[in-house]
Protein backbone atom coordinates (compact mmCIF):
# COMPACT_ATOMS: atom_id res chain seq x y z
CA MET A 1 0.33 0.02 -0.01
CA ASN A 2 0.88 3.55 -0.80
CA SER A 3 2.44 5.97 2.61
CA ASP A 4 -0.33 7.98 2.06
CA ILE A 5 -3.20 5.58 2.62
CA TRP A 6 -1.33 4.35 5.86
CA VAL A 7 -1.10 8.05 7.12
CA ALA A 8 -4.78 8.54 6.16
CA LEU A 9 -5.80 5.21 8.17
CA LEU A 10 -3.44 6.37 10.92
CA ALA A 11 -5.27 9.98 10.97
CA MET A 12 -8.76 8.55 10.77
CA ILE A 13 -7.98 6.26 13.61
CA GLY A 14 -6.60 8.85 15.92
CA THR A 15 -9.97 10.92 15.13
CA LEU A 16 -11.90 8.09 15.72
CA ALA A 17 -10.00 7.69 19.38
CA GLY A 18 -10.17 11.21 20.08
CA THR A 19 -13.81 11.63 19.01
CA PHE A 20 -15.14 8.42 21.08
CA GLY A 21 -12.45 9.75 24.01
CA GLY A 22 -14.41 12.89 23.95
CA ILE A 23 -17.73 11.63 23.95
CA ILE A 24 -17.27 8.95 27.05
CA THR A 25 -15.68 11.57 29.27
CA SER A 26 -18.47 13.73 28.02
CA GLY A 27 -20.76 11.29 29.36
CA LYS A 28 -18.97 10.72 32.63
CA LEU A 29 -19.25 14.17 33.30
CA THR A 30 -22.74 14.71 32.43
CA ALA A 31 -23.68 11.79 34.81
CA TYR A 32 -20.94 13.13 37.77
CA ARG A 33 -23.03 16.62 37.45
CA ILE A 34 -26.32 15.14 37.72
CA GLN A 35 -25.56 13.26 40.46
CA GLN A 36 -24.62 16.23 42.31
CA LEU A 37 -27.96 18.02 41.10
CA GLU A 38 -29.82 14.99 42.64
CA HIS A 39 -27.54 15.37 45.83
CA LYS A 40 -28.79 19.44 45.97
CA VAL A 41 -32.36 18.37 44.88
CA ASP A 42 -32.60 15.65 47.90
CA GLU A 43 -30.80 18.41 50.77
CA HIS A 44 -33.72 20.52 49.45
CA ASN A 45 -36.68 18.32 49.91
CA GLN A 46 -35.27 17.75 53.30
CA PHE A 47 -35.54 21.20 54.24
CA ALA A 48 -38.97 21.38 52.56
CA ARG A 49 -40.43 18.42 54.60
CA ARG A 50 -38.76 19.96 57.60
CA MET A 51 -40.17 23.54 57.44
CA PRO A 52 -43.48 22.29 58.08
CA VAL A 53 -42.76 21.08 61.70
CA VAL A 54 -40.52 23.92 62.42
CA GLU A 55 -43.51 26.61 61.26
CA GLU A 56 -45.94 24.40 63.63
CA GLN A 57 -43.23 24.50 66.50
CA ILE A 58 -42.77 28.70 66.08
CA LYS A 59 -46.72 28.85 66.54
CA VAL A 60 -46.70 26.66 69.68
CA ILE A 61 -43.55 28.80 70.76
CA ASN A 62 -45.27 32.10 69.92
CA HIS A 63 -48.73 31.03 71.79
CA ARG A 64 -46.66 30.30 74.86
CA LEU A 65 -45.07 33.47 74.70
CA THR A 66 -48.38 35.23 74.48
CA ASP A 67 -49.81 32.99 77.27
CA LEU A 68 -46.61 33.90 79.62
CA GLU A 69 -47.18 37.68 78.65
CA GLY A 70 -50.76 37.63 79.67
CA GLU A 71 -49.95 36.02 82.78
CA ASN A 72 -47.08 38.59 83.73
CA HIS A 73 -49.66 41.59 83.20
CA HIS A 74 -52.11 39.63 85.53
CA HIS A 75 -49.71 39.74 88.11
CA GLU A 76 -48.25 42.86 87.57
CA GLY A 77 -51.94 44.15 87.89
CA VAL A 78 -52.46 42.26 91.03
CA SER A 79 -49.36 43.53 92.74
């Protein structure tokens, strides 16, 4: 075979190897980034599930403070 054909074949093999290597690397990077986003979404969802509990606890605390303030005003008026 002519040396030009060998050079062309080697160039084609190099191009294909580089292309497929890039595709594989890009796929791995995309999978990694999706995994990181899923982790962030899981953290957000845990936070969102806990917020109603925290809001209810704040309501209870506010009611207790209101009751204590009412008792304090009642005791101040009695003195």
